[in-house]
Amino acid sequence: MKININDENNIVIFLNKENIKKMDFEDKEQLEIYFRELFNTLNSDYNIKVSG
């Protein structure tokens, strides 16, 4: 994963291709769980708060 912080309101997150090729993008519940865990990690490790 790579994070580019453009400014206070604009952050681009590049996901690892190996991780997302295993994901089923049709399963919205699994995607929600994955991204919730990802954003919680960003919050705890990098103090990046995600809203929206």
C-alpha atoms as a PDB file:
ATOM      1  CA  MET A   1       0.000   0.000   0.000  1.00  0.00           C
ATOM      2  CA  LYS A   2       1.216   3.494  -0.812  1.00  0.00           C
ATOM      3  CA  ILE A   3      -0.253   6.728   0.511  1.00  0.00           C
ATOM      4  CA  ASN A   4       0.091  10.105  -1.189  1.00  0.00           C
ATOM      5  CA  ILE A   5      -1.052  13.042   0.894  1.00  0.00           C
ATOM      6  CA  ASN A   6      -1.771  15.925  -1.465  1.00  0.00           C
ATOM      7  CA  ASP A   7      -3.121  18.250   1.187  1.00  0.00           C
ATOM      8  CA  GLU A   8      -5.267  18.170   4.312  1.00  0.00           C
ATOM      9  CA  ASN A   9      -8.387  17.120   2.387  1.00  0.00           C
ATOM     10  CA  ASN A  10      -6.949  14.989  -0.427  1.00  0.00           C
ATOM     11  CA  ILE A  11      -5.286  11.640   0.146  1.00  0.00           C
ATOM     12  CA  VAL A  12      -4.713   8.991  -2.522  1.00  0.00           C
ATOM     13  CA  ILE A  13      -4.333   5.385  -1.370  1.00  0.00           C
ATOM     14  CA  PHE A  14      -2.795   2.867  -3.768  1.00  0.00           C
ATOM     15  CA  LEU A  15      -3.741  -0.693  -2.855  1.00  0.00           C
ATOM     16  CA  ASN A  16      -1.443  -3.668  -3.298  1.00  0.00           C
ATOM     17  CA  LYS A  17      -2.406  -5.567  -6.442  1.00  0.00           C
ATOM     18  CA  GLU A  18      -1.740  -8.926  -4.782  1.00  0.00           C
ATOM     19  CA  ASN A  19      -4.229  -8.137  -2.007  1.00  0.00           C
ATOM     20  CA  ILE A  20      -7.063  -6.870  -4.167  1.00  0.00           C
ATOM     21  CA  LYS A  21      -6.895  -9.592  -6.832  1.00  0.00           C
ATOM     22  CA  LYS A  22      -8.159 -12.025  -4.176  1.00  0.00           C
ATOM     23  CA  MET A  23     -11.148  -9.811  -3.374  1.00  0.00           C
ATOM     24  CA  ASP A  24     -14.655 -10.369  -4.663  1.00  0.00           C
ATOM     25  CA  PHE A  25     -15.834  -6.896  -5.667  1.00  0.00           C
ATOM     26  CA  GLU A  26     -19.390  -8.196  -6.006  1.00  0.00           C
ATOM     27  CA  ASP A  27     -19.533  -8.978  -2.276  1.00  0.00           C
ATOM     28  CA  LYS A  28     -20.244  -5.529  -0.841  1.00  0.00           C
ATOM     29  CA  GLU A  29     -20.219  -6.769   2.755  1.00  0.00           C
ATOM     30  CA  GLN A  30     -16.675  -8.161   2.430  1.00  0.00           C
ATOM     31  CA  LEU A  31     -15.508  -4.938   0.754  1.00  0.00           C
ATOM     32  CA  GLU A  32     -16.987  -2.892   3.578  1.00  0.00           C
ATOM     33  CA  ILE A  33     -15.163  -5.014   6.160  1.00  0.00           C
ATOM     34  CA  TYR A  34     -11.870  -4.780   4.242  1.00  0.00           C
ATOM     35  CA  PHE A  35     -12.004  -1.000   3.870  1.00  0.00           C
ATOM     36  CA  ARG A  36     -13.186  -0.457   7.446  1.00  0.00           C
ATOM     37  CA  GLU A  37     -10.152  -2.398   8.693  1.00  0.00           C
ATOM     38  CA  LEU A  38      -7.878  -0.528   6.277  1.00  0.00           C
ATOM     39  CA  PHE A  39      -9.149   2.888   7.384  1.00  0.00           C
ATOM     40  CA  ASN A  40      -8.939   1.910  11.055  1.00  0.00           C
ATOM     41  CA  THR A  41      -5.299   0.940  10.476  1.00  0.00           C
ATOM     42  CA  LEU A  42      -4.616   4.268   8.760  1.00  0.00           C
ATOM     43  CA  ASN A  43      -6.191   6.041  11.708  1.00  0.00           C
ATOM     44  CA  SER A  44      -4.244   4.145  14.362  1.00  0.00           C
ATOM     45  CA  ASP A  45      -0.851   3.927  12.593  1.00  0.00           C
ATOM     46  CA  TYR A  46      -0.747   7.261  10.758  1.00  0.00           C
ATOM     47  CA  ASN A  47      -3.362   9.337  12.600  1.00  0.00           C
ATOM     48  CA  ILE A  48      -5.258   9.773   9.310  1.00  0.00           C
ATOM     49  CA  LYS A  49      -8.963  10.227   9.945  1.00  0.00           C
ATOM     50  CA  VAL A  50     -11.262   9.202   7.100  1.00  0.00           C
ATOM     51  CA  SER A  51     -14.804  10.529   6.849  1.00  0.00           C
ATOM     52  CA  GLY A  52     -17.470  10.306   4.233  1.00  0.00           C
END
